[in-house]
């Protein structure tokens, strides 16, 4: 006799487990393939409903995938809480729609030292460092910065948006766009008397608790270092 859950879903436990395994594979490989960009809930729903039409099934599969990713792989499948632009006016950038739908990212639950030793890819460490610097600049600007100001700060570090062949980061413009696609920043165009002005604002991943705390600690260290140097 089928269990209550099987009867309600009209699907066997074995079929459900296969769907959960397929969802987990999709999440892990898509995260790696797209450099950690969020995975839309719609993608996971379509993965489940391509052969099943039960409306309640995607939620059950996603919840089970969350549990297994946590207990087996040490990852949290975290749903992004979309950050609305604080700027007035209508945003025109197509990238602004990246976070409009529900989406998920994988967050490691391992202690930082263990993650660095056994998981972190040294070949992508420069990208992580660049992302951290970018969102720190925006954080210091109050969470929002005009595009021209961001370019100015990058130029002071020897990074030009027009540089397509940086020895470490490659195409600088693409590197910035990736930070937007990963939902650390959102790009907003605002109508102003002097014309359209483009701003970069902190998006949901940058305002997430752990990331936000790391930024504050990093900024505090820099400030304390500068104060100590000035005193000496």
C-alpha atoms as a PDB file:
ATOM      1  CA  UNK A   1       0.000   0.000   0.000  1.00  0.00           C
ATOM      2  CA  UNK A   2       1.306   3.433  -0.901  1.00  0.00           C
ATOM      3  CA  UNK A   3       2.118   5.898   1.841  1.00  0.00           C
ATOM      4  CA  UNK A   4       0.106   9.087   2.259  1.00  0.00           C
ATOM      5  CA  UNK A   5       2.865  11.108   0.617  1.00  0.00           C
ATOM      6  CA  UNK A   6       3.058   8.733  -2.339  1.00  0.00           C
ATOM      7  CA  UNK A   7      -0.729   8.754  -2.744  1.00  0.00           C
ATOM      8  CA  UNK A   8      -0.991  12.538  -2.685  1.00  0.00           C
ATOM      9  CA  UNK A   9       1.812  12.986  -5.210  1.00  0.00           C
ATOM     10  CA  UNK A  10       0.945   9.977  -7.351  1.00  0.00           C
ATOM     11  CA  UNK A  11       4.648   9.129  -7.456  1.00  0.00           C
ATOM     12  CA  UNK A  12       6.680   6.366  -5.836  1.00  0.00           C
ATOM     13  CA  UNK A  13       9.405   6.976  -3.274  1.00  0.00           C
ATOM     14  CA  UNK A  14      11.961   5.669  -5.776  1.00  0.00           C
ATOM     15  CA  UNK A  15      10.822   8.154  -8.450  1.00  0.00           C
ATOM     16  CA  UNK A  16      10.935  10.988  -5.940  1.00  0.00           C
ATOM     17  CA  UNK A  17      14.479  10.042  -4.888  1.00  0.00           C
ATOM     18  CA  UNK A  18      15.580  10.059  -8.539  1.00  0.00           C
ATOM     19  CA  UNK A  19      14.148  13.545  -8.984  1.00  0.00           C
ATOM     20  CA  UNK A  20      15.926  14.756  -5.844  1.00  0.00           C
ATOM     21  CA  UNK A  21      19.232  13.283  -7.071  1.00  0.00           C
ATOM     22  CA  UNK A  22      18.731  14.927 -10.477  1.00  0.00           C
ATOM     23  CA  UNK A  23      18.002  18.276  -8.834  1.00  0.00           C
ATOM     24  CA  UNK A  24      21.153  18.019  -6.682  1.00  0.00           C
ATOM     25  CA  UNK A  25      23.319  17.189  -9.709  1.00  0.00           C
ATOM     26  CA  UNK A  26      21.828  20.127 -11.600  1.00  0.00           C
ATOM     27  CA  UNK A  27      22.426  22.550  -8.719  1.00  0.00           C
ATOM     28  CA  UNK A  28      26.049  21.500  -8.176  1.00  0.00           C
ATOM     29  CA  UNK A  29      27.076  21.445 -11.836  1.00  0.00           C
ATOM     30  CA  UNK A  30      25.180  24.622 -12.745  1.00  0.00           C
ATOM     31  CA  UNK A  31      26.804  26.460  -9.825  1.00  0.00           C
ATOM     32  CA  UNK A  32      30.259  25.382 -11.005  1.00  0.00           C
ATOM     33  CA  UNK A  33      29.509  26.056 -14.673  1.00  0.00           C
ATOM     34  CA  UNK A  34      28.135  29.562 -14.067  1.00  0.00           C
ATOM     35  CA  UNK A  35      30.750  30.720 -11.543  1.00  0.00           C
ATOM     36  CA  UNK A  36      28.332  30.676  -8.619  1.00  0.00           C
ATOM     37  CA  UNK A  37      25.563  32.684 -10.296  1.00  0.00           C
ATOM     38  CA  UNK A  38      22.107  32.120  -8.746  1.00  0.00           C
ATOM     39  CA  UNK A  39      19.933  29.289 -10.008  1.00  0.00           C
ATOM     40  CA  UNK A  40      16.356  30.303 -10.682  1.00  0.00           C
ATOM     41  CA  UNK A  41      13.634  28.335  -8.947  1.00  0.00           C
ATOM     42  CA  UNK A  42      11.911  28.174 -12.317  1.00  0.00           C
ATOM     43  CA  UNK A  43      14.788  26.061 -13.661  1.00  0.00           C
ATOM     44  CA  UNK A  44      14.415  23.513 -10.858  1.00  0.00           C
ATOM     45  CA  UNK A  45      10.638  23.488 -11.260  1.00  0.00           C
ATOM     46  CA  UNK A  46      10.948  22.747 -14.967  1.00  0.00           C
ATOM     47  CA  UNK A  47      13.430  19.973 -14.200  1.00  0.00           C
ATOM     48  CA  UNK A  48      10.813  18.288 -12.009  1.00  0.00           C
ATOM     49  CA  UNK A  49       7.704  18.967 -14.067  1.00  0.00           C
ATOM     50  CA  UNK A  50       9.072  17.902 -17.459  1.00  0.00           C
ATOM     51  CA  UNK A  51       7.685  14.406 -16.745  1.00  0.00           C
ATOM     52  CA  UNK A  52       5.331  15.111 -13.817  1.00  0.00           C
ATOM     53  CA  UNK A  53       2.496  17.624 -13.621  1.00  0.00           C
ATOM     54  CA  UNK A  54       1.774  17.580  -9.892  1.00  0.00           C
ATOM     55  CA  UNK A  55       1.972  21.193  -8.694  1.00  0.00           C
ATOM     56  CA  UNK A  56       3.190  20.293  -5.214  1.00  0.00           C
ATOM     57  CA  UNK A  57       6.036  18.066  -6.378  1.00  0.00           C
ATOM     58  CA  UNK A  58       8.701  20.743  -7.141  1.00  0.00           C
ATOM     59  CA  UNK A  59       8.504  22.192  -3.623  1.00  0.00           C
ATOM     60  CA  UNK A  60       8.887  18.736  -2.077  1.00  0.00           C
ATOM     61  CA  UNK A  61      11.838  17.847  -4.320  1.00  0.00           C
ATOM     62  CA  UNK A  62      13.601  21.166  -3.669  1.00  0.00           C
ATOM     63  CA  UNK A  63      13.113  20.847   0.110  1.00  0.00           C
ATOM     64  CA  UNK A  64      14.518  17.315   0.058  1.00  0.00           C
ATOM     65  CA  UNK A  65      17.435  18.460  -2.102  1.00  0.00           C
ATOM     66  CA  UNK A  66      18.140  21.185   0.486  1.00  0.00           C
ATOM     67  CA  UNK A  67      18.302  18.613   3.278  1.00  0.00           C
ATOM     68  CA  UNK A  68      20.613  16.268   1.375  1.00  0.00           C
ATOM     69  CA  UNK A  69      22.899  19.057   0.174  1.00  0.00           C
ATOM     70  CA  UNK A  70      23.291  20.053   3.819  1.00  0.00           C
ATOM     71  CA  UNK A  71      23.681  16.610   5.422  1.00  0.00           C
ATOM     72  CA  UNK A  72      25.754  14.923   2.692  1.00  0.00           C
ATOM     73  CA  UNK A  73      27.648  17.687   0.877  1.00  0.00           C
ATOM     74  CA  UNK A  74      27.927  20.350   3.568  1.00  0.00           C
ATOM     75  CA  UNK A  75      26.174  23.030   1.512  1.00  0.00           C
ATOM     76  CA  UNK A  76      23.290  25.316   2.316  1.00  0.00           C
ATOM     77  CA  UNK A  77      20.925  25.939  -0.594  1.00  0.00           C
ATOM     78  CA  UNK A  78      19.981  29.481   0.308  1.00  0.00           C
ATOM     79  CA  UNK A  79      17.062  31.318  -1.242  1.00  0.00           C
ATOM     80  CA  UNK A  80      17.930  34.867  -2.233  1.00  0.00           C
ATOM     81  CA  UNK A  81      15.778  37.639  -0.871  1.00  0.00           C
ATOM     82  CA  UNK A  82      15.637  40.130  -3.720  1.00  0.00           C
ATOM     83  CA  UNK A  83      16.882  43.629  -2.960  1.00  0.00           C
ATOM     84  CA  UNK A  84      14.871  46.365  -4.643  1.00  0.00           C
ATOM     85  CA  UNK A  85      16.834  49.335  -6.013  1.00  0.00           C
ATOM     86  CA  UNK A  86      16.878  52.270  -3.590  1.00  0.00           C
ATOM     87  CA  UNK A  87      17.339  54.744  -6.436  1.00  0.00           C
ATOM     88  CA  UNK A  88      14.331  56.624  -7.706  1.00  0.00           C
ATOM     89  CA  UNK A  89      13.393  56.433 -11.344  1.00  0.00           C
ATOM     90  CA  UNK A  90      12.910  53.455 -13.614  1.00  0.00           C
ATOM     91  CA  UNK A  91      15.801  51.006 -13.952  1.00  0.00           C
ATOM     92  CA  UNK A  92      16.563  50.172 -17.573  1.00  0.00           C
ATOM     93  CA  UNK A  93      19.427  47.749 -17.271  1.00  0.00           C
ATOM     94  CA  UNK A  94      18.485  44.263 -18.426  1.00  0.00           C
ATOM     95  CA  UNK A  95      20.669  42.847 -15.655  1.00  0.00           C
ATOM     96  CA  UNK A  96      18.297  44.277 -13.088  1.00  0.00           C
ATOM     97  CA  UNK A  97      15.919  41.418 -13.858  1.00  0.00           C
ATOM     98  CA  UNK A  98      18.396  38.736 -12.787  1.00  0.00           C
ATOM     99  CA  UNK A  99      17.040  38.632  -9.238  1.00  0.00           C
ATOM    100  CA  UNK A 100      13.378  39.287 -10.030  1.00  0.00           C
ATOM    101  CA  UNK A 101      12.337  35.638  -9.654  1.00  0.00           C
ATOM    102  CA  UNK A 102      13.094  33.369  -6.696  1.00  0.00           C
ATOM    103  CA  UNK A 103      16.581  31.960  -6.961  1.00  0.00           C
ATOM    104  CA  UNK A 104      19.115  29.953  -4.958  1.00  0.00           C
ATOM    105  CA  UNK A 105      22.850  29.898  -4.296  1.00  0.00           C
ATOM    106  CA  UNK A 106      25.062  27.269  -2.705  1.00  0.00           C
ATOM    107  CA  UNK A 107      26.833  28.353   0.483  1.00  0.00           C
ATOM    108  CA  UNK A 108      29.474  26.145   2.075  1.00  0.00           C
ATOM    109  CA  UNK A 109      28.808  25.247   5.719  1.00  0.00           C
ATOM    110  CA  UNK A 110      32.415  24.209   6.334  1.00  0.00           C
ATOM    111  CA  UNK A 111      34.604  26.232   8.713  1.00  0.00           C
ATOM    112  CA  UNK A 112      36.591  28.870   6.806  1.00  0.00           C
ATOM    113  CA  UNK A 113      40.000  27.274   7.487  1.00  0.00           C
ATOM    114  CA  UNK A 114      38.874  23.823   6.316  1.00  0.00           C
ATOM    115  CA  UNK A 115      37.195  25.293   3.246  1.00  0.00           C
ATOM    116  CA  UNK A 116      40.368  27.164   2.271  1.00  0.00           C
ATOM    117  CA  UNK A 117      42.508  24.058   2.755  1.00  0.00           C
ATOM    118  CA  UNK A 118      40.403  21.404   1.050  1.00  0.00           C
ATOM    119  CA  UNK A 119      37.767  23.071  -1.151  1.00  0.00           C
ATOM    120  CA  UNK A 120      38.773  26.551  -2.285  1.00  0.00           C
ATOM    121  CA  UNK A 121      40.076  26.700  -5.851  1.00  0.00           C
ATOM    122  CA  UNK A 122      43.297  28.728  -5.911  1.00  0.00           C
ATOM    123  CA  UNK A 123      42.748  29.313  -9.633  1.00  0.00           C
ATOM    124  CA  UNK A 124      39.665  31.430  -8.892  1.00  0.00           C
ATOM    125  CA  UNK A 125      40.952  33.182  -5.757  1.00  0.00           C
ATOM    126  CA  UNK A 126      41.711  36.344  -7.760  1.00  0.00           C
ATOM    127  CA  UNK A 127      38.062  36.552  -8.851  1.00  0.00           C
ATOM    128  CA  UNK A 128      36.909  36.243  -5.242  1.00  0.00           C
ATOM    129  CA  UNK A 129      39.359  38.946  -4.201  1.00  0.00           C
ATOM    130  CA  UNK A 130      38.192  41.266  -6.981  1.00  0.00           C
ATOM    131  CA  UNK A 131      34.550  40.740  -5.992  1.00  0.00           C
ATOM    132  CA  UNK A 132      35.342  41.497  -2.357  1.00  0.00           C
ATOM    133  CA  UNK A 133      37.177  44.714  -3.272  1.00  0.00           C
ATOM    134  CA  UNK A 134      34.329  45.886  -5.516  1.00  0.00           C
ATOM    135  CA  UNK A 135      31.596  45.361  -2.935  1.00  0.00           C
ATOM    136  CA  UNK A 136      33.819  46.909  -0.242  1.00  0.00           C
ATOM    137  CA  UNK A 137      34.139  50.074  -2.342  1.00  0.00           C
ATOM    138  CA  UNK A 138      30.359  50.248  -2.755  1.00  0.00           C
ATOM    139  CA  UNK A 139      29.882  49.547   0.954  1.00  0.00           C
ATOM    140  CA  UNK A 140      32.189  52.440   1.880  1.00  0.00           C
ATOM    141  CA  UNK A 141      30.204  54.682  -0.474  1.00  0.00           C
ATOM    142  CA  UNK A 142      27.076  53.998   1.559  1.00  0.00           C
ATOM    143  CA  UNK A 143      25.786  51.008  -0.391  1.00  0.00           C
ATOM    144  CA  UNK A 144      25.422  52.877  -3.689  1.00  0.00           C
ATOM    145  CA  UNK A 145      27.952  54.471  -6.019  1.00  0.00           C
ATOM    146  CA  UNK A 146      27.776  56.160  -9.439  1.00  0.00           C
ATOM    147  CA  UNK A 147      29.374  54.133 -12.209  1.00  0.00           C
ATOM    148  CA  UNK A 148      31.884  56.910 -12.929  1.00  0.00           C
ATOM    149  CA  UNK A 149      33.025  56.953  -9.290  1.00  0.00           C
ATOM    150  CA  UNK A 150      33.528  53.198  -9.312  1.00  0.00           C
ATOM    151  CA  UNK A 151      35.582  53.480 -12.480  1.00  0.00           C
ATOM    152  CA  UNK A 152      37.697  56.175 -10.805  1.00  0.00           C
ATOM    153  CA  UNK A 153      38.448  53.919  -7.821  1.00  0.00           C
ATOM    154  CA  UNK A 154      39.316  51.014 -10.090  1.00  0.00           C
ATOM    155  CA  UNK A 155      41.690  53.169 -12.132  1.00  0.00           C
ATOM    156  CA  UNK A 156      43.495  54.117  -8.916  1.00  0.00           C
ATOM    157  CA  UNK A 157      44.140  50.386  -8.487  1.00  0.00           C
ATOM    158  CA  UNK A 158      45.389  50.085 -12.055  1.00  0.00           C
ATOM    159  CA  UNK A 159      42.183  48.539 -13.376  1.00  0.00           C
ATOM    160  CA  UNK A 160      40.542  50.077 -16.435  1.00  0.00           C
ATOM    161  CA  UNK A 161      37.105  48.969 -17.629  1.00  0.00           C
ATOM    162  CA  UNK A 162      38.401  49.213 -21.196  1.00  0.00           C
ATOM    163  CA  UNK A 163      41.144  46.662 -20.471  1.00  0.00           C
ATOM    164  CA  UNK A 164      40.176  43.408 -22.206  1.00  0.00           C
ATOM    165  CA  UNK A 165      43.391  41.517 -21.464  1.00  0.00           C
ATOM    166  CA  UNK A 166      44.317  42.068 -17.841  1.00  0.00           C
ATOM    167  CA  UNK A 167      47.001  39.490 -16.907  1.00  0.00           C
ATOM    168  CA  UNK A 168      44.955  38.208 -13.952  1.00  0.00           C
ATOM    169  CA  UNK A 169      41.320  39.228 -14.421  1.00  0.00           C
ATOM    170  CA  UNK A 170      41.107  39.216 -18.213  1.00  0.00           C
ATOM    171  CA  UNK A 171      38.303  41.468 -19.456  1.00  0.00           C
ATOM    172  CA  UNK A 172      37.674  43.955 -16.626  1.00  0.00           C
ATOM    173  CA  UNK A 173      34.229  44.907 -17.894  1.00  0.00           C
ATOM    174  CA  UNK A 174      33.190  41.243 -17.947  1.00  0.00           C
ATOM    175  CA  UNK A 175      34.624  40.780 -14.454  1.00  0.00           C
ATOM    176  CA  UNK A 176      32.380  43.591 -13.169  1.00  0.00           C
ATOM    177  CA  UNK A 177      29.382  42.171 -15.037  1.00  0.00           C
ATOM    178  CA  UNK A 178      29.968  38.813 -13.348  1.00  0.00           C
ATOM    179  CA  UNK A 179      29.739  40.469  -9.920  1.00  0.00           C
ATOM    180  CA  UNK A 180      26.327  41.783 -11.010  1.00  0.00           C
ATOM    181  CA  UNK A 181      25.213  38.407 -12.354  1.00  0.00           C
ATOM    182  CA  UNK A 182      26.231  36.764  -9.095  1.00  0.00           C
ATOM    183  CA  UNK A 183      23.899  39.228  -7.311  1.00  0.00           C
ATOM    184  CA  UNK A 184      26.529  40.929  -5.183  1.00  0.00           C
ATOM    185  CA  UNK A 185      25.728  44.166  -7.005  1.00  0.00           C
ATOM    186  CA  UNK A 186      22.814  45.449  -9.017  1.00  0.00           C
ATOM    187  CA  UNK A 187      23.147  47.944 -11.828  1.00  0.00           C
ATOM    188  CA  UNK A 188      20.502  50.656 -11.982  1.00  0.00           C
ATOM    189  CA  UNK A 189      19.951  53.497 -14.450  1.00  0.00           C
ATOM    190  CA  UNK A 190      18.161  56.544 -13.080  1.00  0.00           C
ATOM    191  CA  UNK A 191      16.604  59.397 -14.996  1.00  0.00           C
ATOM    192  CA  UNK A 192      18.086  62.713 -13.816  1.00  0.00           C
ATOM    193  CA  UNK A 193      17.883  66.329 -15.094  1.00  0.00           C
ATOM    194  CA  UNK A 194      21.404  66.018 -16.488  1.00  0.00           C
ATOM    195  CA  UNK A 195      20.554  62.709 -18.199  1.00  0.00           C
ATOM    196  CA  UNK A 196      20.605  59.023 -17.305  1.00  0.00           C
ATOM    197  CA  UNK A 197      22.986  58.141 -14.455  1.00  0.00           C
ATOM    198  CA  UNK A 198      24.081  54.570 -13.820  1.00  0.00           C
ATOM    199  CA  UNK A 199      24.582  53.416 -10.228  1.00  0.00           C
ATOM    200  CA  UNK A 200      25.901  50.236  -8.682  1.00  0.00           C
ATOM    201  CA  UNK A 201      24.133  49.169  -5.489  1.00  0.00           C
ATOM    202  CA  UNK A 202      24.728  46.326  -3.060  1.00  0.00           C
ATOM    203  CA  UNK A 203      22.455  43.424  -3.974  1.00  0.00           C
ATOM    204  CA  UNK A 204      21.130  40.624  -1.789  1.00  0.00           C
ATOM    205  CA  UNK A 205      24.281  38.498  -1.617  1.00  0.00           C
ATOM    206  CA  UNK A 206      26.385  41.455  -0.461  1.00  0.00           C
ATOM    207  CA  UNK A 207      23.875  42.358   2.252  1.00  0.00           C
ATOM    208  CA  UNK A 208      23.591  38.756   3.425  1.00  0.00           C
ATOM    209  CA  UNK A 209      24.727  38.369   7.043  1.00  0.00           C
ATOM    210  CA  UNK A 210      28.050  36.474   6.685  1.00  0.00           C
ATOM    211  CA  UNK A 211      29.247  38.472   3.663  1.00  0.00           C
ATOM    212  CA  UNK A 212      28.211  41.788   5.183  1.00  0.00           C
ATOM    213  CA  UNK A 213      30.068  40.980   8.419  1.00  0.00           C
ATOM    214  CA  UNK A 214      33.233  40.051   6.521  1.00  0.00           C
ATOM    215  CA  UNK A 215      33.115  43.349   4.648  1.00  0.00           C
ATOM    216  CA  UNK A 216      32.716  45.301   7.883  1.00  0.00           C
ATOM    217  CA  UNK A 217      35.633  43.416   9.472  1.00  0.00           C
ATOM    218  CA  UNK A 218      37.801  44.052   6.415  1.00  0.00           C
ATOM    219  CA  UNK A 219      36.977  47.768   6.361  1.00  0.00           C
ATOM    220  CA  UNK A 220      37.593  48.043  10.112  1.00  0.00           C
ATOM    221  CA  UNK A 221      41.032  46.431   9.708  1.00  0.00           C
ATOM    222  CA  UNK A 222      41.973  48.910   6.989  1.00  0.00           C
ATOM    223  CA  UNK A 223      40.795  51.866   9.055  1.00  0.00           C
ATOM    224  CA  UNK A 224      42.663  50.652  12.145  1.00  0.00           C
ATOM    225  CA  UNK A 225      45.811  50.044  10.095  1.00  0.00           C
ATOM    226  CA  UNK A 226      45.678  53.555   8.637  1.00  0.00           C
ATOM    227  CA  UNK A 227      45.047  55.103  12.054  1.00  0.00           C
ATOM    228  CA  UNK A 228      47.991  53.201  13.557  1.00  0.00           C
ATOM    229  CA  UNK A 229      50.257  54.239  10.672  1.00  0.00           C
ATOM    230  CA  UNK A 230      49.219  57.870  11.105  1.00  0.00           C
ATOM    231  CA  UNK A 231      49.941  57.773  14.836  1.00  0.00           C
ATOM    232  CA  UNK A 232      53.425  56.426  14.272  1.00  0.00           C
END
